[in-house]
C-alpha atoms as a PDB file:
ATOM      1  CA  MET A   1     -33.537   6.177 -99.999  1.00  0.00           C
ATOM      2  CA  ASP A   2     -31.088   4.970 -97.359  1.00  0.00           C
ATOM      3  CA  CYS A   3     -27.470   5.994 -96.783  1.00  0.00           C
ATOM      4  CA  SER A   4     -25.965   2.979 -98.551  1.00  0.00           C
ATOM      5  CA  THR A   5     -27.966   3.739-101.690  1.00  0.00           C
ATOM      6  CA  HIS A   6     -26.600   7.288-101.735  1.00  0.00           C
ATOM      7  CA  LEU A   7     -23.069   6.023-101.243  1.00  0.00           C
ATOM      8  CA  GLU A   8     -23.281   3.290-103.877  1.00  0.00           C
ATOM      9  CA  LYS A   9     -23.797   5.901-106.567  1.00  0.00           C
ATOM     10  CA  ASN A  10     -20.279   7.280-106.443  1.00  0.00           C
ATOM     11  CA  LYS A  11     -16.938   5.875-105.245  1.00  0.00           C
ATOM     12  CA  LYS A  12     -15.612   9.366-104.508  1.00  0.00           C
ATOM     13  CA  THR A  13     -18.632   9.997-102.279  1.00  0.00           C
ATOM     14  CA  THR A  14     -17.974   6.738-100.418  1.00  0.00           C
ATOM     15  CA  ILE A  15     -14.345   7.716 -99.801  1.00  0.00           C
ATOM     16  CA  LEU A  16     -15.406  11.151 -98.520  1.00  0.00           C
ATOM     17  CA  PHE A  17     -18.017   9.554 -96.278  1.00  0.00           C
ATOM     18  CA  TRP A  18     -15.422   7.304 -94.609  1.00  0.00           C
ATOM     19  CA  LYS A  19     -13.052  10.263 -94.189  1.00  0.00           C
ATOM     20  CA  LEU A  20     -15.900  12.075 -92.413  1.00  0.00           C
ATOM     21  CA  VAL A  21     -16.660   9.062 -90.229  1.00  0.00           C
ATOM     22  CA  ARG A  22     -13.022   8.599 -89.206  1.00  0.00           C
ATOM     23  CA  ALA A  23     -11.998  12.260 -88.805  1.00  0.00           C
ATOM     24  CA  TYR A  24     -10.271  12.921 -85.472  1.00  0.00           C
ATOM     25  CA  LYS A  25     -10.520  16.717 -85.524  1.00  0.00           C
ATOM     26  CA  THR A  26     -13.503  18.954 -86.193  1.00  0.00           C
ATOM     27  CA  THR A  27     -11.414  20.976 -88.667  1.00  0.00           C
ATOM     28  CA  GLU A  28     -10.703  17.793 -90.626  1.00  0.00           C
ATOM     29  CA  PHE A  29     -14.394  16.849 -90.488  1.00  0.00           C
ATOM     30  CA  GLU A  30     -15.505  20.292 -91.688  1.00  0.00           C
ATOM     31  CA  PHE A  31     -13.001  20.181 -94.562  1.00  0.00           C
ATOM     32  CA  TYR A  32     -14.402  16.881 -95.859  1.00  0.00           C
ATOM     33  CA  TRP A  33     -17.964  17.986 -95.108  1.00  0.00           C
ATOM     34  CA  GLY A  34     -17.475  20.995 -97.406  1.00  0.00           C
ATOM     35  CA  ARG A  35     -16.103  18.747-100.148  1.00  0.00           C
ATOM     36  CA  LEU A  36     -19.059  16.378 -99.795  1.00  0.00           C
ATOM     37  CA  ARG A  37     -21.504  19.300 -99.967  1.00  0.00           C
ATOM     38  CA  ASN A  38     -19.841  20.468-103.198  1.00  0.00           C
ATOM     39  CA  ILE A  39     -19.834  17.033-104.827  1.00  0.00           C
ATOM     40  CA  ARG A  40     -23.061  15.440-103.522  1.00  0.00           C
ATOM     41  CA  ASP A  41     -25.281  17.874-101.672  1.00  0.00           C
ATOM     42  CA  ASP A  42     -28.084  15.271-101.609  1.00  0.00           C
ATOM     43  CA  VAL A  43     -25.871  12.887 -99.588  1.00  0.00           C
ATOM     44  CA  ALA A  44     -24.831  15.682 -97.211  1.00  0.00           C
ATOM     45  CA  THR A  45     -28.470  16.685 -96.770  1.00  0.00           C
ATOM     46  CA  TYR A  46     -29.398  13.088 -95.989  1.00  0.00           C
ATOM     47  CA  LEU A  47     -26.540  12.763 -93.470  1.00  0.00           C
ATOM     48  CA  SER A  48     -27.553  16.088 -91.887  1.00  0.00           C
ATOM     49  CA  GLN A  49     -30.766  14.423 -90.743  1.00  0.00           C
ATOM     50  CA  ILE A  50     -28.793  11.919 -88.613  1.00  0.00           C
ATOM     51  CA  PRO A  51     -27.135  13.199 -85.415  1.00  0.00           C
ATOM     52  CA  ARG A  52     -23.379  13.390 -86.027  1.00  0.00           C
ATOM     53  CA  ALA A  53     -22.710  11.697 -82.690  1.00  0.00           C
ATOM     54  CA  LYS A  54     -24.221   8.525 -84.146  1.00  0.00           C
ATOM     55  CA  TRP A  55     -21.994   8.232 -87.210  1.00  0.00           C
ATOM     56  CA  THR A  56     -18.783  10.220 -86.656  1.00  0.00           C
ATOM     57  CA  LYS A  57     -15.779   9.651 -84.443  1.00  0.00           C
ATOM     58  CA  VAL A  58     -15.085  13.337 -83.817  1.00  0.00           C
ATOM     59  CA  TYR A  59     -18.590  14.139 -82.536  1.00  0.00           C
ATOM     60  CA  CYS A  60     -19.128  10.913 -80.601  1.00  0.00           C
ATOM     61  CA  PRO A  61     -19.175  11.641 -76.848  1.00  0.00           C
ATOM     62  CA  THR A  62     -17.855   8.182 -75.939  1.00  0.00           C
ATOM     63  CA  THR A  63     -14.890   6.007 -76.865  1.00  0.00           C
ATOM     64  CA  ARG A  64     -15.583   3.406 -79.509  1.00  0.00           C
ATOM     65  CA  TYR A  65     -12.315   1.462 -79.252  1.00  0.00           C
ATOM     66  CA  ASP A  66     -11.140   3.386 -82.334  1.00  0.00           C
ATOM     67  CA  TYR A  67     -13.474   1.504 -84.677  1.00  0.00           C
ATOM     68  CA  MET A  68     -16.737   2.759 -86.103  1.00  0.00           C
ATOM     69  CA  THR A  69     -19.024  -0.246 -86.083  1.00  0.00           C
ATOM     70  CA  SER A  70     -21.525  -1.701 -83.650  1.00  0.00           C
ATOM     71  CA  ASN A  71     -20.710  -5.219 -84.815  1.00  0.00           C
ATOM     72  CA  SER A  72     -18.104  -6.811 -82.516  1.00  0.00           C
ATOM     73  CA  ALA A  73     -16.783  -9.126 -85.214  1.00  0.00           C
ATOM     74  CA  GLU A  74     -16.295  -6.203 -87.602  1.00  0.00           C
ATOM     75  CA  SER A  75     -14.452  -4.246 -84.888  1.00  0.00           C
ATOM     76  CA  MET A  76     -12.085  -7.132 -84.276  1.00  0.00           C
ATOM     77  CA  ASN A  77     -11.559  -7.643 -88.016  1.00  0.00           C
ATOM     78  CA  ALA A  78     -10.668  -3.978 -88.425  1.00  0.00           C
ATOM     79  CA  ALA A  79      -8.333  -4.042 -85.411  1.00  0.00           C
ATOM     80  CA  SER A  80      -6.556  -7.193 -86.527  1.00  0.00           C
ATOM     81  CA  ASN A  81      -6.213  -6.511 -90.231  1.00  0.00           C
ATOM     82  CA  LYS A  82      -2.391  -6.911 -90.256  1.00  0.00           C
ATOM     83  CA  ALA A  83      -2.189  -9.346 -87.347  1.00  0.00           C
ATOM     84  CA  ARG A  84      -4.383 -11.926 -89.086  1.00  0.00           C
ATOM     85  CA  LYS A  85      -1.340 -13.064 -91.062  1.00  0.00           C
ATOM     86  CA  LEU A  86       0.393 -14.199 -87.861  1.00  0.00           C
ATOM     87  CA  HIS A  87       0.605 -17.791 -86.662  1.00  0.00           C
ATOM     88  CA  ILE A  88      -1.983 -18.786 -84.066  1.00  0.00           C
ATOM     89  CA  LEU A  89      -0.010 -18.138 -80.847  1.00  0.00           C
ATOM     90  CA  PRO A  90       1.223 -14.643 -81.832  1.00  0.00           C
ATOM     91  CA  LEU A  91      -2.294 -13.907 -83.099  1.00  0.00           C
ATOM     92  CA  LEU A  92      -3.832 -14.879 -79.771  1.00  0.00           C
ATOM     93  CA  GLU A  93      -1.211 -12.783 -77.968  1.00  0.00           C
ATOM     94  CA  PHE A  94      -2.078  -9.850 -80.223  1.00  0.00           C
ATOM     95  CA  PHE A  95      -5.769 -10.104 -79.269  1.00  0.00           C
ATOM     96  CA  ARG A  96      -4.993 -10.528 -75.566  1.00  0.00           C
ATOM     97  CA  THR A  97      -2.740  -7.460 -75.581  1.00  0.00           C
ATOM     98  CA  LEU A  98      -5.175  -5.394 -77.625  1.00  0.00           C
ATOM     99  CA  MET A  99      -8.107  -6.129 -75.348  1.00  0.00           C
ATOM    100  CA  GLN A 100      -5.999  -5.573 -72.249  1.00  0.00           C
ATOM    101  CA  LYS A 101      -5.027  -2.111 -73.564  1.00  0.00           C
ATOM    102  CA  TRP A 102      -8.643  -1.280 -74.423  1.00  0.00           C
ATOM    103  CA  PHE A 103      -9.940  -2.300 -71.004  1.00  0.00           C
ATOM    104  CA  TYR A 104      -7.098  -0.535 -69.191  1.00  0.00           C
ATOM    105  CA  LYS A 105      -7.784   2.730 -71.039  1.00  0.00           C
ATOM    106  CA  ARG A 106     -11.489   2.447 -70.254  1.00  0.00           C
ATOM    107  CA  ARG A 107     -10.842   1.649 -66.594  1.00  0.00           C
ATOM    108  CA  MET A 108      -8.462   4.605 -66.197  1.00  0.00           C
ATOM    109  CA  ALA A 109     -10.965   6.949 -67.862  1.00  0.00           C
ATOM    110  CA  ALA A 110     -13.758   5.654 -65.613  1.00  0.00           C
ATOM    111  CA  GLU A 111     -11.624   5.991 -62.471  1.00  0.00           C
ATOM    112  CA  LYS A 112     -10.642   9.532 -63.418  1.00  0.00           C
ATOM    113  CA  LYS A 113     -14.273  10.466 -64.023  1.00  0.00           C
ATOM    114  CA  TYR A 114     -15.380   8.772 -60.794  1.00  0.00           C
ATOM    115  CA  ASN A 115     -12.616  10.395 -58.703  1.00  0.00           C
ATOM    116  CA  ASN A 116     -13.306  13.854 -60.134  1.00  0.00           C
ATOM    117  CA  THR A 117     -17.029  13.464 -59.478  1.00  0.00           C
ATOM    118  CA  TYR A 118     -16.741  12.198 -55.916  1.00  0.00           C
ATOM    119  CA  GLU A 119     -13.671  14.012 -54.587  1.00  0.00           C
ATOM    120  CA  VAL A 120     -13.882  14.787 -50.902  1.00  0.00           C
ATOM    121  CA  GLY A 121     -13.136  18.453 -50.420  1.00  0.00           C
END
């Protein structure tokens, strides 16, 4: 039985799952994890078999542009949910600005990591 089958069984379980996926703090994750265990231990047991770094934001060691999907189109859809109502030029500006911010944050993080690793002492 795969994860989606477990989640289809109960809307409350699905909501808890997405709260787990999107949790920013371990305390928040553990709170929802306890609730899931109480409501659907079989789902929690199934999820326990998958490394948390692969399906949660809080335990992921890398930045995922704030969206939990490996599908680029789904990431952009999630990021632009409100902006999609804009006219074409403001919409394009929204995407340009968003991507510029994402790449800048990544570049600064990479430079910081590189400079800390290769500092001349």
